[in-house]
């Protein structure tokens, strides 16, 4: 339903937790559970919209917010929910 995306390290694990999933790699969300995962992720992102990942808080260069980093995952989950597809990662 959507192209593969790559999320690295703590950022990817944090987003899994935001979706209500354990930070287990490899993992999957069944098609019926994708809308709930999407809702949890978007609600958490909205609540912390401007927050930066921990690794960027003290750096001199501007960091990328979690809201911005989550966009590809939100789009993937939206496409999966629309197509009623499972989502898998490793």
N, C-alpha and C. Protein backbone atom coordinates (compact mmCIF):
# COMPACT_ATOMS: atom_id res chain seq x y z
N UNK A 1 0.82 -1.20 0.00
CA UNK A 1 0.00 0.00 0.00
C UNK A 1 0.86 1.26 0.00
N UNK A 2 2.14 1.13 0.38
CA UNK A 2 3.02 2.29 0.50
C UNK A 2 4.47 1.83 0.34
N UNK A 3 5.33 2.72 -0.08
CA UNK A 3 6.75 2.39 -0.22
C UNK A 3 7.38 2.14 1.14
N UNK A 4 8.46 1.37 1.15
CA UNK A 4 9.21 1.13 2.39
C UNK A 4 9.79 2.45 2.88
N UNK A 5 9.83 2.60 4.21
CA UNK A 5 10.50 3.74 4.82
C UNK A 5 11.52 3.22 5.81
N UNK A 6 12.47 4.06 6.18
CA UNK A 6 13.49 3.69 7.15
C UNK A 6 13.50 4.70 8.28
N UNK A 7 13.40 4.21 9.50
CA UNK A 7 13.54 5.02 10.70
C UNK A 7 14.67 4.41 11.50
N UNK A 8 15.58 5.22 11.98
CA UNK A 8 16.76 4.72 12.65
C UNK A 8 16.69 4.85 14.16
N UNK A 9 17.28 3.87 14.83
CA UNK A 9 17.57 3.90 16.25
C UNK A 9 16.44 4.30 17.16
N UNK A 10 16.77 5.20 18.08
CA UNK A 10 15.84 5.62 19.11
C UNK A 10 14.60 6.30 18.55
N UNK A 11 14.74 6.97 17.42
CA UNK A 11 13.60 7.65 16.81
C UNK A 11 12.55 6.62 16.38
N UNK A 12 12.99 5.58 15.69
CA UNK A 12 12.08 4.53 15.26
C UNK A 12 11.43 3.82 16.43
N UNK A 13 12.22 3.52 17.45
CA UNK A 13 11.68 2.85 18.64
C UNK A 13 10.68 3.74 19.37
N UNK A 14 10.97 5.02 19.45
CA UNK A 14 10.05 5.95 20.10
C UNK A 14 8.72 6.01 19.36
N UNK A 15 8.77 5.98 18.04
CA UNK A 15 7.53 6.03 17.27
C UNK A 15 6.72 4.74 17.42
N UNK A 16 7.41 3.61 17.54
CA UNK A 16 6.70 2.36 17.80
C UNK A 16 5.93 2.47 19.12
N UNK A 17 6.60 3.02 20.14
CA UNK A 17 5.95 3.18 21.44
C UNK A 17 4.77 4.16 21.36
N UNK A 18 4.92 5.23 20.57
CA UNK A 18 3.84 6.19 20.40
C UNK A 18 2.61 5.54 19.77
N UNK A 19 2.83 4.52 18.95
CA UNK A 19 1.72 3.81 18.31
C UNK A 19 1.07 2.81 19.26
N UNK A 20 1.64 2.66 20.46
CA UNK A 20 1.10 1.72 21.43
C UNK A 20 1.67 0.33 21.28
N UNK A 21 2.77 0.21 20.56
CA UNK A 21 3.41 -1.08 20.34
C UNK A 21 4.68 -1.13 21.18
N UNK A 22 5.09 -2.33 21.51
CA UNK A 22 6.38 -2.46 22.21
C UNK A 22 7.48 -2.07 21.24
N UNK A 23 8.63 -1.79 21.74
CA UNK A 23 9.76 -1.41 20.88
C UNK A 23 10.48 -2.65 20.37
N UNK A 24 9.71 -3.66 20.01
CA UNK A 24 10.28 -4.91 19.53
C UNK A 24 10.54 -4.83 18.03
N UNK A 25 11.73 -5.22 17.65
CA UNK A 25 12.09 -5.28 16.23
C UNK A 25 12.50 -6.72 15.99
N UNK A 26 11.92 -7.36 15.17
CA UNK A 26 10.89 -7.23 14.15
C UNK A 26 9.51 -7.26 14.77
N UNK A 27 8.54 -6.70 14.04
CA UNK A 27 7.19 -6.64 14.55
C UNK A 27 6.20 -6.37 13.45
N UNK A 28 4.93 -6.33 13.83
CA UNK A 28 3.86 -6.09 12.86
C UNK A 28 2.63 -5.57 13.56
N UNK A 29 1.79 -4.90 12.79
CA UNK A 29 0.47 -4.47 13.23
C UNK A 29 -0.51 -5.04 12.22
N UNK A 30 -1.50 -5.77 12.69
CA UNK A 30 -2.51 -6.32 11.80
C UNK A 30 -3.37 -5.21 11.24
N UNK A 31 -3.90 -5.44 10.06
CA UNK A 31 -4.69 -4.42 9.35
C UNK A 31 -5.80 -3.82 10.22
N UNK A 32 -6.46 -4.65 10.99
CA UNK A 32 -7.55 -4.16 11.84
C UNK A 32 -7.06 -3.21 12.94
N UNK A 33 -5.79 -3.32 13.31
CA UNK A 33 -5.22 -2.50 14.39
C UNK A 33 -4.50 -1.25 13.88
N UNK A 34 -4.32 -1.13 12.57
CA UNK A 34 -3.58 0.01 12.01
C UNK A 34 -4.26 1.34 12.33
N UNK A 35 -5.59 1.49 12.17
CA UNK A 35 -6.20 2.79 12.50
C UNK A 35 -5.96 3.23 13.94
N UNK A 36 -6.00 2.32 14.88
CA UNK A 36 -5.74 2.65 16.28
C UNK A 36 -4.29 3.10 16.46
N UNK A 37 -3.35 2.39 15.84
CA UNK A 37 -1.94 2.78 15.92
C UNK A 37 -1.73 4.17 15.33
N UNK A 38 -2.38 4.45 14.20
CA UNK A 38 -2.29 5.76 13.56
C UNK A 38 -2.85 6.85 14.48
N UNK A 39 -4.00 6.58 15.08
CA UNK A 39 -4.60 7.56 16.00
C UNK A 39 -3.71 7.83 17.20
N UNK A 40 -3.12 6.78 17.75
CA UNK A 40 -2.23 6.96 18.91
C UNK A 40 -1.00 7.79 18.53
N UNK A 41 -0.42 7.47 17.37
CA UNK A 41 0.77 8.20 16.92
C UNK A 41 0.45 9.67 16.69
N UNK A 42 -0.62 9.95 15.95
CA UNK A 42 -0.94 11.35 15.64
C UNK A 42 -1.34 12.12 16.90
N UNK A 43 -2.01 11.47 17.85
CA UNK A 43 -2.37 12.15 19.10
C UNK A 43 -1.13 12.50 19.91
N UNK A 44 -0.19 11.57 19.99
CA UNK A 44 1.04 11.82 20.74
C UNK A 44 1.87 12.91 20.07
N UNK A 45 1.96 12.85 18.76
CA UNK A 45 2.70 13.87 18.01
C UNK A 45 2.05 15.25 18.21
N UNK A 46 0.73 15.31 18.14
CA UNK A 46 0.02 16.59 18.31
C UNK A 46 0.25 17.17 19.70
N UNK A 47 0.29 16.30 20.69
CA UNK A 47 0.49 16.74 22.07
C UNK A 47 1.90 17.30 22.28
N UNK A 48 2.86 16.74 21.57
CA UNK A 48 4.27 17.13 21.71
C UNK A 48 4.82 17.67 20.39
N UNK A 49 4.02 18.45 19.69
CA UNK A 49 4.30 18.83 18.30
C UNK A 49 5.70 19.39 18.05
N UNK A 50 6.17 20.24 18.92
CA UNK A 50 7.45 20.91 18.67
C UNK A 50 8.64 20.26 19.37
N UNK A 51 8.42 19.11 20.00
CA UNK A 51 9.51 18.49 20.75
C UNK A 51 10.57 17.93 19.81
N UNK A 52 11.81 18.05 20.25
CA UNK A 52 12.93 17.50 19.50
C UNK A 52 13.37 16.21 20.14
N UNK A 53 13.89 15.27 19.33
CA UNK A 53 14.46 14.06 19.92
C UNK A 53 15.56 14.42 20.91
N UNK A 54 15.75 13.61 21.93
CA UNK A 54 16.73 13.88 22.99
C UNK A 54 18.12 14.18 22.44
N UNK A 55 18.52 13.52 21.38
CA UNK A 55 19.87 13.70 20.87
C UNK A 55 20.11 15.09 20.29
N UNK A 56 19.05 15.87 20.02
CA UNK A 56 19.21 17.17 19.39
C UNK A 56 18.97 18.35 20.34
N UNK A 57 18.62 18.09 21.56
CA UNK A 57 18.26 19.16 22.47
C UNK A 57 19.42 20.12 22.72
N UNK A 58 20.63 19.62 22.90
CA UNK A 58 21.76 20.46 23.26
C UNK A 58 22.70 20.79 22.11
N UNK A 59 22.36 20.40 20.90
CA UNK A 59 23.24 20.68 19.77
C UNK A 59 23.03 22.10 19.27
N UNK A 60 24.07 22.64 18.63
CA UNK A 60 23.99 24.00 18.11
C UNK A 60 23.15 24.09 16.84
N UNK A 61 23.15 23.03 16.03
CA UNK A 61 22.36 23.04 14.81
C UNK A 61 20.89 22.76 15.14
N UNK A 62 19.98 23.37 14.38
CA UNK A 62 18.56 23.09 14.65
C UNK A 62 18.23 21.63 14.40
N UNK A 63 17.43 21.07 15.27
CA UNK A 63 17.03 19.68 15.13
C UNK A 63 15.75 19.56 14.32
N UNK A 64 15.39 18.34 14.02
CA UNK A 64 14.17 18.03 13.29
C UNK A 64 13.15 17.52 14.31
N UNK A 65 11.99 18.14 14.34
CA UNK A 65 10.97 17.77 15.33
C UNK A 65 10.46 16.36 15.07
N UNK A 66 9.92 15.76 16.12
CA UNK A 66 9.32 14.43 15.97
C UNK A 66 8.13 14.49 15.02
N UNK A 67 7.39 15.59 15.03
CA UNK A 67 6.24 15.74 14.12
C UNK A 67 6.70 15.64 12.67
N UNK A 68 7.81 16.28 12.37
CA UNK A 68 8.33 16.25 11.00
C UNK A 68 8.88 14.86 10.66
N UNK A 69 9.58 14.25 11.59
CA UNK A 69 10.13 12.92 11.37
C UNK A 69 9.04 11.86 11.22
N UNK A 70 7.89 12.08 11.83
CA UNK A 70 6.80 11.10 11.80
C UNK A 70 5.98 11.13 10.52
N UNK A 71 6.12 12.17 9.71
CA UNK A 71 5.30 12.30 8.51
C UNK A 71 5.32 11.07 7.60
N UNK A 72 6.48 10.51 7.27
CA UNK A 72 6.46 9.32 6.41
C UNK A 72 5.72 8.15 7.05
N UNK A 73 5.86 7.98 8.35
CA UNK A 73 5.17 6.89 9.05
C UNK A 73 3.67 7.14 9.08
N UNK A 74 3.27 8.38 9.30
CA UNK A 74 1.85 8.72 9.29
C UNK A 74 1.25 8.44 7.91
N UNK A 75 1.97 8.81 6.86
CA UNK A 75 1.49 8.56 5.51
C UNK A 75 1.40 7.06 5.23
N UNK A 76 2.38 6.29 5.68
CA UNK A 76 2.37 4.84 5.51
C UNK A 76 1.18 4.23 6.23
N UNK A 77 0.96 4.61 7.48
CA UNK A 77 -0.15 4.07 8.25
C UNK A 77 -1.50 4.47 7.65
N UNK A 78 -1.59 5.69 7.15
CA UNK A 78 -2.82 6.15 6.50
C UNK A 78 -3.13 5.30 5.27
N UNK A 79 -2.11 5.05 4.45
CA UNK A 79 -2.28 4.21 3.25
C UNK A 79 -2.64 2.78 3.64
N UNK A 80 -2.01 2.26 4.67
CA UNK A 80 -2.30 0.89 5.11
C UNK A 80 -3.72 0.78 5.65
N UNK A 81 -4.17 1.79 6.40
CA UNK A 81 -5.54 1.77 6.93
C UNK A 81 -6.55 1.83 5.78
N UNK A 82 -6.28 2.69 4.81
CA UNK A 82 -7.19 2.84 3.67
C UNK A 82 -7.27 1.55 2.86
N UNK A 83 -6.14 0.87 2.69
CA UNK A 83 -6.09 -0.36 1.90
C UNK A 83 -6.32 -1.61 2.74
N UNK A 84 -6.50 -1.42 4.05
CA UNK A 84 -6.70 -2.54 4.97
C UNK A 84 -5.54 -3.56 4.88
N UNK A 85 -4.32 -3.01 5.00
CA UNK A 85 -3.10 -3.82 4.91
C UNK A 85 -2.41 -3.90 6.27
N UNK A 86 -1.72 -5.01 6.50
CA UNK A 86 -0.85 -5.14 7.66
C UNK A 86 0.37 -4.27 7.49
N UNK A 87 1.00 -3.91 8.59
CA UNK A 87 2.26 -3.15 8.57
C UNK A 87 3.30 -3.99 9.30
N UNK A 88 4.45 -4.17 8.66
CA UNK A 88 5.52 -4.98 9.26
C UNK A 88 6.81 -4.16 9.25
N UNK A 89 7.69 -4.45 10.23
CA UNK A 89 9.00 -3.82 10.27
C UNK A 89 10.04 -4.80 10.78
N UNK A 90 11.27 -4.49 10.40
CA UNK A 90 12.42 -5.26 10.92
C UNK A 90 13.66 -4.41 10.93
